[in-house]
Amino acid sequence: MKQVIRLTESDLHRIVKESVRKILNEYGEGEGSQENLGTAYMMAIDGVHSIYDERMKRAENIAKYAAKKRKEHGIPVDYFVKGMNKARKK
């Protein structure tokens, strides 16, 4: 069963920062360490991007659905925009 985890941008930043710090401590210095660190860095960045991309796709689908329903029911755009502005204030 999948579990939904909600993270703020600062939470995500903190998690990546802590992970990088742990990796730096594990790899330390020596032959090949920079290559290993570069690989770990890109893996972390790719993970962050995939989370962001997934959320953006979900938000885009919700927006398209909402716009479709607004048109189907003949709701004026003013009400739709009013609802969006109300949500932004939360």
PDB file of N, CA and C in Angstrom:
ATOM      1  N   MET A   1       0.834  -1.177   0.000  1.00  0.00           N
ATOM      2  CA  MET A   1       0.000   0.000   0.000  1.00  0.00           C
ATOM      3  C   MET A   1       0.889   1.255   0.000  1.00  0.00           C
ATOM      4  N   LYS A   2       0.593   2.172  -0.915  1.00  0.00           N
ATOM      5  CA  LYS A   2       1.363   3.408  -0.968  1.00  0.00           C
ATOM      6  C   LYS A   2       0.919   4.333   0.140  1.00  0.00           C
ATOM      7  N   GLN A   3       1.868   5.072   0.669  1.00  0.00           N
ATOM      8  CA  GLN A   3       1.579   6.040   1.715  1.00  0.00           C
ATOM      9  C   GLN A   3       1.873   7.432   1.175  1.00  0.00           C
ATOM     10  N   VAL A   4       0.942   8.359   1.355  1.00  0.00           N
ATOM     11  CA  VAL A   4       1.144   9.730   0.901  1.00  0.00           C
ATOM     12  C   VAL A   4       1.924  10.484   1.972  1.00  0.00           C
ATOM     13  N   ILE A   5       3.009  11.106   1.534  1.00  0.00           N
ATOM     14  CA  ILE A   5       3.831  11.887   2.444  1.00  0.00           C
ATOM     15  C   ILE A   5       3.830  13.317   1.930  1.00  0.00           C
ATOM     16  N   ARG A   6       3.448  14.248   2.776  1.00  0.00           N
ATOM     17  CA  ARG A   6       3.416  15.650   2.385  1.00  0.00           C
ATOM     18  C   ARG A   6       4.674  16.335   2.913  1.00  0.00           C
ATOM     19  N   LEU A   7       5.374  16.994   1.998  1.00  0.00           N
ATOM     20  CA  LEU A   7       6.606  17.692   2.355  1.00  0.00           C
ATOM     21  C   LEU A   7       6.535  19.134   1.871  1.00  0.00           C
ATOM     22  N   THR A   8       7.033  20.013   2.684  1.00  0.00           N
ATOM     23  CA  THR A   8       7.199  21.390   2.224  1.00  0.00           C
ATOM     24  C   THR A   8       8.522  21.466   1.479  1.00  0.00           C
ATOM     25  N   GLU A   9       8.733  22.550   0.768  1.00  0.00           N
ATOM     26  CA  GLU A   9       9.995  22.722   0.054  1.00  0.00           C
ATOM     27  C   GLU A   9      11.163  22.745   1.037  1.00  0.00           C
ATOM     28  N   SER A  10      10.960  23.363   2.205  1.00  0.00           N
ATOM     29  CA  SER A  10      12.042  23.411   3.195  1.00  0.00           C
ATOM     30  C   SER A  10      12.321  22.017   3.775  1.00  0.00           C
ATOM     31  N   ASP A  11      11.276  21.192   3.957  1.00  0.00           N
ATOM     32  CA  ASP A  11      11.479  19.808   4.409  1.00  0.00           C
ATOM     33  C   ASP A  11      12.334  19.042   3.401  1.00  0.00           C
ATOM     34  N   LEU A  12      11.976  19.190   2.128  1.00  0.00           N
ATOM     35  CA  LEU A  12      12.699  18.495   1.072  1.00  0.00           C
ATOM     36  C   LEU A  12      14.152  18.968   1.022  1.00  0.00           C
ATOM     37  N   HIS A  13      14.359  20.269   1.148  1.00  0.00           N
ATOM     38  CA  HIS A  13      15.709  20.827   1.149  1.00  0.00           C
ATOM     39  C   HIS A  13      16.519  20.255   2.315  1.00  0.00           C
ATOM     40  N   ARG A  14      15.905  20.188   3.490  1.00  0.00           N
ATOM     41  CA  ARG A  14      16.582  19.655   4.677  1.00  0.00           C
ATOM     42  C   ARG A  14      16.946  18.182   4.478  1.00  0.00           C
ATOM     43  N   ILE A  15      16.041  17.403   3.907  1.00  0.00           N
ATOM     44  CA  ILE A  15      16.285  15.973   3.686  1.00  0.00           C
ATOM     45  C   ILE A  15      17.452  15.774   2.725  1.00  0.00           C
ATOM     46  N   VAL A  16      17.457  16.539   1.622  1.00  0.00           N
ATOM     47  CA  VAL A  16      18.550  16.416   0.653  1.00  0.00           C
ATOM     48  C   VAL A  16      19.861  16.827   1.294  1.00  0.00           C
ATOM     49  N   LYS A  17      19.831  17.929   2.061  1.00  0.00           N
ATOM     50  CA  LYS A  17      21.052  18.419   2.718  1.00  0.00           C
ATOM     51  C   LYS A  17      21.610  17.362   3.685  1.00  0.00           C
ATOM     52  N   GLU A  18      20.738  16.758   4.490  1.00  0.00           N
ATOM     53  CA  GLU A  18      21.183  15.728   5.435  1.00  0.00           C
ATOM     54  C   GLU A  18      21.734  14.512   4.700  1.00  0.00           C
ATOM     55  N   SER A  19      21.083  14.146   3.588  1.00  0.00           N
ATOM     56  CA  SER A  19      21.538  12.991   2.819  1.00  0.00           C
ATOM     57  C   SER A  19      22.910  13.245   2.224  1.00  0.00           C
ATOM     58  N   VAL A  20      23.103  14.439   1.675  1.00  0.00           N
ATOM     59  CA  VAL A  20      24.410  14.788   1.100  1.00  0.00           C
ATOM     60  C   VAL A  20      25.482  14.772   2.188  1.00  0.00           C
ATOM     61  N   ARG A  21      25.148  15.302   3.368  1.00  0.00           N
ATOM     62  CA  ARG A  21      26.113  15.313   4.478  1.00  0.00           C
ATOM     63  C   ARG A  21      26.512  13.877   4.851  1.00  0.00           C
ATOM     64  N   LYS A  22      25.528  12.962   4.904  1.00  0.00           N
ATOM     65  CA  LYS A  22      25.827  11.563   5.227  1.00  0.00           C
ATOM     66  C   LYS A  22      26.714  10.938   4.160  1.00  0.00           C
ATOM     67  N   ILE A  23      26.412  11.226   2.897  1.00  0.00           N
ATOM     68  CA  ILE A  23      27.198  10.664   1.799  1.00  0.00           C
ATOM     69  C   ILE A  23      28.630  11.180   1.853  1.00  0.00           C
ATOM     70  N   LEU A  24      28.779  12.474   2.125  1.00  0.00           N
ATOM     71  CA  LEU A  24      30.125  13.038   2.230  1.00  0.00           C
ATOM     72  C   LEU A  24      30.922  12.344   3.325  1.00  0.00           C
ATOM     73  N   ASN A  25      30.271  12.062   4.444  1.00  0.00           N
ATOM     74  CA  ASN A  25      30.952  11.365   5.537  1.00  0.00           C
ATOM     75  C   ASN A  25      31.312   9.931   5.164  1.00  0.00           C
ATOM     76  N   GLU A  26      30.451   9.279   4.364  1.00  0.00           N
ATOM     77  CA  GLU A  26      30.716   7.896   3.959  1.00  0.00           C
ATOM     78  C   GLU A  26      31.874   7.804   2.969  1.00  0.00           C
ATOM     79  N   TYR A  27      31.865   8.676   1.966  1.00  0.00           N
ATOM     80  CA  TYR A  27      32.870   8.590   0.908  1.00  0.00           C
ATOM     81  C   TYR A  27      34.204   9.203   1.312  1.00  0.00           C
ATOM     82  N   GLY A  28      34.143  10.269   2.065  1.00  0.00           N
ATOM     83  CA  GLY A  28      35.376  10.918   2.500  1.00  0.00           C
ATOM     84  C   GLY A  28      36.254  11.328   1.339  1.00  0.00           C
ATOM     85  N   GLU A  29      37.541  11.172   1.518  1.00  0.00           N
ATOM     86  CA  GLU A  29      38.504  11.549   0.488  1.00  0.00           C
ATOM     87  C   GLU A  29      39.179  10.295  -0.031  1.00  0.00           C
ATOM     88  N   GLY A  30      39.782  10.429  -1.165  1.00  0.00           N
ATOM     89  CA  GLY A  30      40.513   9.293  -1.723  1.00  0.00           C
ATOM     90  C   GLY A  30      40.204   9.123  -3.190  1.00  0.00           C
ATOM     91  N   GLU A  31      40.883   8.132  -3.778  1.00  0.00           N
ATOM     92  CA  GLU A  31      40.746   7.881  -5.205  1.00  0.00           C
ATOM     93  C   GLU A  31      39.300   7.496  -5.547  1.00  0.00           C
ATOM     94  N   GLY A  32      38.733   8.170  -6.518  1.00  0.00           N
ATOM     95  CA  GLY A  32      37.367   7.866  -6.959  1.00  0.00           C
ATOM     96  C   GLY A  32      36.279   8.514  -6.136  1.00  0.00           C
ATOM     97  N   SER A  33      36.636   9.192  -5.050  1.00  0.00           N
ATOM     98  CA  SER A  33      35.597   9.747  -4.182  1.00  0.00           C
ATOM     99  C   SER A  33      34.783  10.837  -4.880  1.00  0.00           C
ATOM    100  N   GLN A  34      35.433  11.664  -5.703  1.00  0.00           N
ATOM    101  CA  GLN A  34      34.711  12.730  -6.399  1.00  0.00           C
ATOM    102  C   GLN A  34      33.713  12.156  -7.396  1.00  0.00           C
ATOM    103  N   GLU A  35      34.099  11.097  -8.075  1.00  0.00           N
ATOM    104  CA  GLU A  35      33.184  10.455  -9.019  1.00  0.00           C
ATOM    105  C   GLU A  35      31.977   9.878  -8.278  1.00  0.00           C
ATOM    106  N   ASN A  36      32.242   9.216  -7.156  1.00  0.00           N
ATOM    107  CA  ASN A  36      31.154   8.658  -6.352  1.00  0.00           C
ATOM    108  C   ASN A  36      30.235   9.762  -5.829  1.00  0.00           C
ATOM    109  N   LEU A  37      30.816  10.872  -5.397  1.00  0.00           N
ATOM    110  CA  LEU A  37      30.017  11.986  -4.898  1.00  0.00           C
ATOM    111  C   LEU A  37      29.178  12.594  -6.016  1.00  0.00           C
ATOM    112  N   GLY A  38      29.765  12.717  -7.209  1.00  0.00           N
ATOM    113  CA  GLY A  38      29.018  13.243  -8.355  1.00  0.00           C
ATOM    114  C   GLY A  38      27.837  12.356  -8.702  1.00  0.00           C
ATOM    115  N   THR A  39      28.051  11.048  -8.665  1.00  0.00           N
ATOM    116  CA  THR A  39      26.974  10.097  -8.936  1.00  0.00           C
ATOM    117  C   THR A  39      25.865  10.226  -7.891  1.00  0.00           C
ATOM    118  N   ALA A  40      26.244  10.281  -6.628  1.00  0.00           N
ATOM    119  CA  ALA A  40      25.263  10.404  -5.544  1.00  0.00           C
ATOM    120  C   ALA A  40      24.479  11.705  -5.656  1.00  0.00           C
ATOM    121  N   TYR A  41      25.185  12.779  -6.005  1.00  0.00           N
ATOM    122  CA  TYR A  41      24.538  14.087  -6.153  1.00  0.00           C
ATOM    123  C   TYR A  41      23.463  14.031  -7.242  1.00  0.00           C
ATOM    124  N   MET A  42      23.830  13.481  -8.407  1.00  0.00           N
ATOM    125  CA  MET A  42      22.869  13.434  -9.509  1.00  0.00           C
ATOM    126  C   MET A  42      21.685  12.530  -9.183  1.00  0.00           C
ATOM    127  N   MET A  43      21.920  11.460  -8.461  1.00  0.00           N
ATOM    128  CA  MET A  43      20.816  10.583  -8.054  1.00  0.00           C
ATOM    129  C   MET A  43      19.858  11.330  -7.131  1.00  0.00           C
ATOM    130  N   ALA A  44      20.404  12.134  -6.217  1.00  0.00           N
ATOM    131  CA  ALA A  44      19.565  12.919  -5.310  1.00  0.00           C
ATOM    132  C   ALA A  44      18.760  13.956  -6.083  1.00  0.00           C
ATOM    133  N   ILE A  45      19.398  14.653  -7.006  1.00  0.00           N
ATOM    134  CA  ILE A  45      18.722  15.670  -7.810  1.00  0.00           C
ATOM    135  C   ILE A  45      17.625  15.038  -8.656  1.00  0.00           C
ATOM    136  N   ASP A  46      17.910  13.893  -9.278  1.00  0.00           N
ATOM    137  CA  ASP A  46      16.901  13.210 -10.089  1.00  0.00           C
ATOM    138  C   ASP A  46      15.700  12.810  -9.242  1.00  0.00           C
ATOM    139  N   GLY A  47      15.940  12.380  -8.001  1.00  0.00           N
ATOM    140  CA  GLY A  47      14.845  12.013  -7.103  1.00  0.00           C
ATOM    141  C   GLY A  47      13.957  13.206  -6.783  1.00  0.00           C
ATOM    142  N   VAL A  48      14.568  14.345  -6.529  1.00  0.00           N
ATOM    143  CA  VAL A  48      13.810  15.564  -6.234  1.00  0.00           C
ATOM    144  C   VAL A  48      12.986  15.965  -7.451  1.00  0.00           C
ATOM    145  N   HIS A  49      13.582  15.892  -8.631  1.00  0.00           N
ATOM    146  CA  HIS A  49      12.867  16.271  -9.852  1.00  0.00           C
ATOM    147  C   HIS A  49      11.685  15.348 -10.102  1.00  0.00           C
ATOM    148  N   SER A  50      11.830  14.056  -9.858  1.00  0.00           N
ATOM    149  CA  SER A  50      10.722  13.136 -10.112  1.00  0.00           C
ATOM    150  C   SER A  50       9.552  13.416  -9.175  1.00  0.00           C
ATOM    151  N   ILE A  51       9.840  13.758  -7.915  1.00  0.00           N
ATOM    152  CA  ILE A  51       8.767  14.117  -6.973  1.00  0.00           C
ATOM    153  C   ILE A  51       8.066  15.379  -7.452  1.00  0.00           C
ATOM    154  N   TYR A  52       8.849  16.378  -7.857  1.00  0.00           N
ATOM    155  CA  TYR A  52       8.292  17.647  -8.328  1.00  0.00           C
ATOM    156  C   TYR A  52       7.469  17.428  -9.594  1.00  0.00           C
ATOM    157  N   ASP A  53       7.999  16.662 -10.561  1.00  0.00           N
ATOM    158  CA  ASP A  53       7.296  16.408 -11.818  1.00  0.00           C
ATOM    159  C   ASP A  53       5.966  15.704 -11.568  1.00  0.00           C
ATOM    160  N   GLU A  54       5.964  14.741 -10.651  1.00  0.00           N
ATOM    161  CA  GLU A  54       4.742  14.004 -10.338  1.00  0.00           C
ATOM    162  C   GLU A  54       3.677  14.941  -9.761  1.00  0.00           C
ATOM    163  N   ARG A  55       4.080  15.819  -8.851  1.00  0.00           N
ATOM    164  CA  ARG A  55       3.132  16.764  -8.264  1.00  0.00           C
ATOM    165  C   ARG A  55       2.616  17.759  -9.297  1.00  0.00           C
ATOM    166  N   MET A  56       3.482  18.199 -10.192  1.00  0.00           N
ATOM    167  CA  MET A  56       3.060  19.143 -11.230  1.00  0.00           C
ATOM    168  C   MET A  56       2.052  18.494 -12.175  1.00  0.00           C
ATOM    169  N   LYS A  57       2.271  17.244 -12.551  1.00  0.00           N
ATOM    170  CA  LYS A  57       1.331  16.527 -13.419  1.00  0.00           C
ATOM    171  C   LYS A  57      -0.018  16.392 -12.732  1.00  0.00           C
ATOM    172  N   ARG A  58       0.002  16.052 -11.453  1.00  0.00           N
ATOM    173  CA  ARG A  58      -1.241  15.907 -10.698  1.00  0.00           C
ATOM    174  C   ARG A  58      -1.986  17.240 -10.625  1.00  0.00           C
ATOM    175  N   ALA A  59      -1.265  18.316 -10.350  1.00  0.00           N
ATOM    176  CA  ALA A  59      -1.877  19.640 -10.273  1.00  0.00           C
ATOM    177  C   ALA A  59      -2.446  20.058 -11.629  1.00  0.00           C
ATOM    178  N   GLU A  60      -1.730  19.758 -12.692  1.00  0.00           N
ATOM    179  CA  GLU A  60      -2.196  20.098 -14.038  1.00  0.00           C
ATOM    180  C   GLU A  60      -3.483  19.341 -14.370  1.00  0.00           C
ATOM    181  N   ASN A  61      -3.554  18.066 -14.015  1.00  0.00           N
ATOM    182  CA  ASN A  61      -4.760  17.276 -14.262  1.00  0.00           C
ATOM    183  C   ASN A  61      -5.954  17.822 -13.483  1.00  0.00           C
ATOM    184  N   ILE A  62      -5.724  18.221 -12.249  1.00  0.00           N
ATOM    185  CA  ILE A  62      -6.802  18.792 -11.440  1.00  0.00           C
ATOM    186  C   ILE A  62      -7.292  20.098 -12.061  1.00  0.00           C
ATOM    187  N   ALA A  63      -6.346  20.926 -12.513  1.00  0.00           N
ATOM    188  CA  ALA A  63      -6.710  22.209 -13.126  1.00  0.00           C
ATOM    189  C   ALA A  63      -7.520  21.991 -14.406  1.00  0.00           C
ATOM    190  N   LYS A  64      -7.112  21.031 -15.225  1.00  0.00           N
ATOM    191  CA  LYS A  64      -7.848  20.740 -16.466  1.00  0.00           C
ATOM    192  C   LYS A  64      -9.263  20.249 -16.158  1.00  0.00           C
ATOM    193  N   TYR A  65      -9.384  19.378 -15.175  1.00  0.00           N
ATOM    194  CA  TYR A  65     -10.693  18.858 -14.779  1.00  0.00           C
ATOM    195  C   TYR A  65     -11.591  19.991 -14.284  1.00  0.00           C
ATOM    196  N   ALA A  66     -11.032  20.857 -13.445  1.00  0.00           N
ATOM    197  CA  ALA A  66     -11.809  21.967 -12.905  1.00  0.00           C
ATOM    198  C   ALA A  66     -12.271  22.910 -14.013  1.00  0.00           C
ATOM    199  N   ALA A  67     -11.390  23.205 -14.959  1.00  0.00           N
ATOM    200  CA  ALA A  67     -11.749  24.087 -16.070  1.00  0.00           C
ATOM    201  C   ALA A  67     -12.833  23.456 -16.934  1.00  0.00           C
ATOM    202  N   LYS A  68     -12.743  22.155 -17.160  1.00  0.00           N
ATOM    203  CA  LYS A  68     -13.745  21.443 -17.954  1.00  0.00           C
ATOM    204  C   LYS A  68     -15.114  21.512 -17.273  1.00  0.00           C
ATOM    205  N   LYS A  69     -15.141  21.261 -15.973  1.00  0.00           N
ATOM    206  CA  LYS A  69     -16.408  21.304 -15.232  1.00  0.00           C
ATOM    207  C   LYS A  69     -16.998  22.711 -15.199  1.00  0.00           C
ATOM    208  N   ARG A  70     -16.117  23.719 -15.096  1.00  0.00           N
ATOM    209  CA  ARG A  70     -16.588  25.104 -15.096  1.00  0.00           C
ATOM    210  C   ARG A  70     -17.307  25.407 -16.400  1.00  0.00           C
ATOM    211  N   LYS A  71     -16.709  24.972 -17.518  1.00  0.00           N
ATOM    212  CA  LYS A  71     -17.316  25.214 -18.832  1.00  0.00           C
ATOM    213  C   LYS A  71     -18.618  24.433 -18.988  1.00  0.00           C
ATOM    214  N   GLU A  72     -18.615  23.167 -18.557  1.00  0.00           N
ATOM    215  CA  GLU A  72     -19.811  22.325 -18.686  1.00  0.00           C
ATOM    216  C   GLU A  72     -21.009  22.921 -17.951  1.00  0.00           C
ATOM    217  N   HIS A  73     -20.757  23.513 -16.811  1.00  0.00           N
ATOM    218  CA  HIS A  73     -21.843  24.041 -15.985  1.00  0.00           C
ATOM    219  C   HIS A  73     -22.079  25.535 -16.196  1.00  0.00           C
ATOM    220  N   GLY A  74     -21.344  26.124 -17.135  1.00  0.00           N
ATOM    221  CA  GLY A  74     -21.542  27.527 -17.454  1.00  0.00           C
ATOM    222  C   GLY A  74     -21.216  28.480 -16.318  1.00  0.00           C
ATOM    223  N   ILE A  75     -20.263  28.123 -15.504  1.00  0.00           N
ATOM    224  CA  ILE A  75     -19.874  28.972 -14.370  1.00  0.00           C
ATOM    225  C   ILE A  75     -18.978  30.086 -14.899  1.00  0.00           C
ATOM    226  N   PRO A  76     -19.298  31.334 -14.590  1.00  0.00           N
ATOM    227  CA  PRO A  76     -18.465  32.436 -15.071  1.00  0.00           C
ATOM    228  C   PRO A  76     -17.031  32.316 -14.552  1.00  0.00           C
ATOM    229  N   VAL A  77     -16.098  32.769 -15.367  1.00  0.00           N
ATOM    230  CA  VAL A  77     -14.682  32.698 -15.025  1.00  0.00           C
ATOM    231  C   VAL A  77     -14.403  33.457 -13.729  1.00  0.00           C
ATOM    232  N   ASP A  78     -15.136  34.545 -13.465  1.00  0.00           N
ATOM    233  CA  ASP A  78     -14.920  35.336 -12.241  1.00  0.00           C
ATOM    234  C   ASP A  78     -15.033  34.474 -10.985  1.00  0.00           C
ATOM    235  N   TYR A  79     -16.015  33.571 -10.954  1.00  0.00           N
ATOM    236  CA  TYR A  79     -16.181  32.713  -9.778  1.00  0.00           C
ATOM    237  C   TYR A  79     -15.024  31.729  -9.651  1.00  0.00           C
ATOM    238  N   PHE A  80     -14.599  31.233 -10.800  1.00  0.00           N
ATOM    239  CA  PHE A  80     -13.490  30.287 -10.828  1.00  0.00           C
ATOM    240  C   PHE A  80     -12.216  30.952 -10.295  1.00  0.00           C
ATOM    241  N   VAL A  81     -11.941  32.152 -10.782  1.00  0.00           N
ATOM    242  CA  VAL A  81     -10.754  32.899 -10.348  1.00  0.00           C
ATOM    243  C   VAL A  81     -10.873  33.263  -8.867  1.00  0.00           C
ATOM    244  N   LYS A  82     -12.081  33.618  -8.425  1.00  0.00           N
ATOM    245  CA  LYS A  82     -12.304  33.943  -7.010  1.00  0.00           C
ATOM    246  C   LYS A  82     -11.945  32.737  -6.136  1.00  0.00           C
ATOM    247  N   GLY A  83     -12.325  31.540  -6.561  1.00  0.00           N
ATOM    248  CA  GLY A  83     -11.999  30.322  -5.820  1.00  0.00           C
ATOM    249  C   GLY A  83     -10.505  30.060  -5.790  1.00  0.00           C
ATOM    250  N   MET A  84      -9.831  30.310  -6.913  1.00  0.00           N
ATOM    251  CA  MET A  84      -8.376  30.118  -6.956  1.00  0.00           C
ATOM    252  C   MET A  84      -7.686  31.088  -6.006  1.00  0.00           C
ATOM    253  N   ASN A  85      -8.123  32.335  -6.004  1.00  0.00           N
ATOM    254  CA  ASN A  85      -7.516  33.329  -5.117  1.00  0.00           C
ATOM    255  C   ASN A  85      -7.749  32.993  -3.649  1.00  0.00           C
ATOM    256  N   LYS A  86      -8.925  32.456  -3.362  1.00  0.00           N
ATOM    257  CA  LYS A  86      -9.248  32.041  -1.987  1.00  0.00           C
ATOM    258  C   LYS A  86      -8.293  30.925  -1.536  1.00  0.00           C
ATOM    259  N   ALA A  87      -8.023  29.980  -2.434  1.00  0.00           N
ATOM    260  CA  ALA A  87      -7.128  28.860  -2.114  1.00  0.00           C
ATOM    261  C   ALA A  87      -5.700  29.338  -1.915  1.00  0.00           C
ATOM    262  N   ARG A  88      -5.276  30.342  -2.665  1.00  0.00           N
ATOM    263  CA  ARG A  88      -3.907  30.857  -2.531  1.00  0.00           C
ATOM    264  C   ARG A  88      -3.677  31.491  -1.168  1.00  0.00           C
ATOM    265  N   LYS A  89      -4.724  32.050  -0.583  1.00  0.00           N
ATOM    266  CA  LYS A  89      -4.597  32.745   0.707  1.00  0.00           C
ATOM    267  C   LYS A  89      -4.405  31.758   1.849  1.00  0.00           C
ATOM    268  N   LYS A  90      -4.793  30.492   1.655  1.00  0.00           N
ATOM    269  CA  LYS A  90      -4.698  29.499   2.732  1.00  0.00           C
ATOM    270  C   LYS A  90      -3.292  29.068   2.975  1.00  0.00           C
TER     271      LYS A  90
END
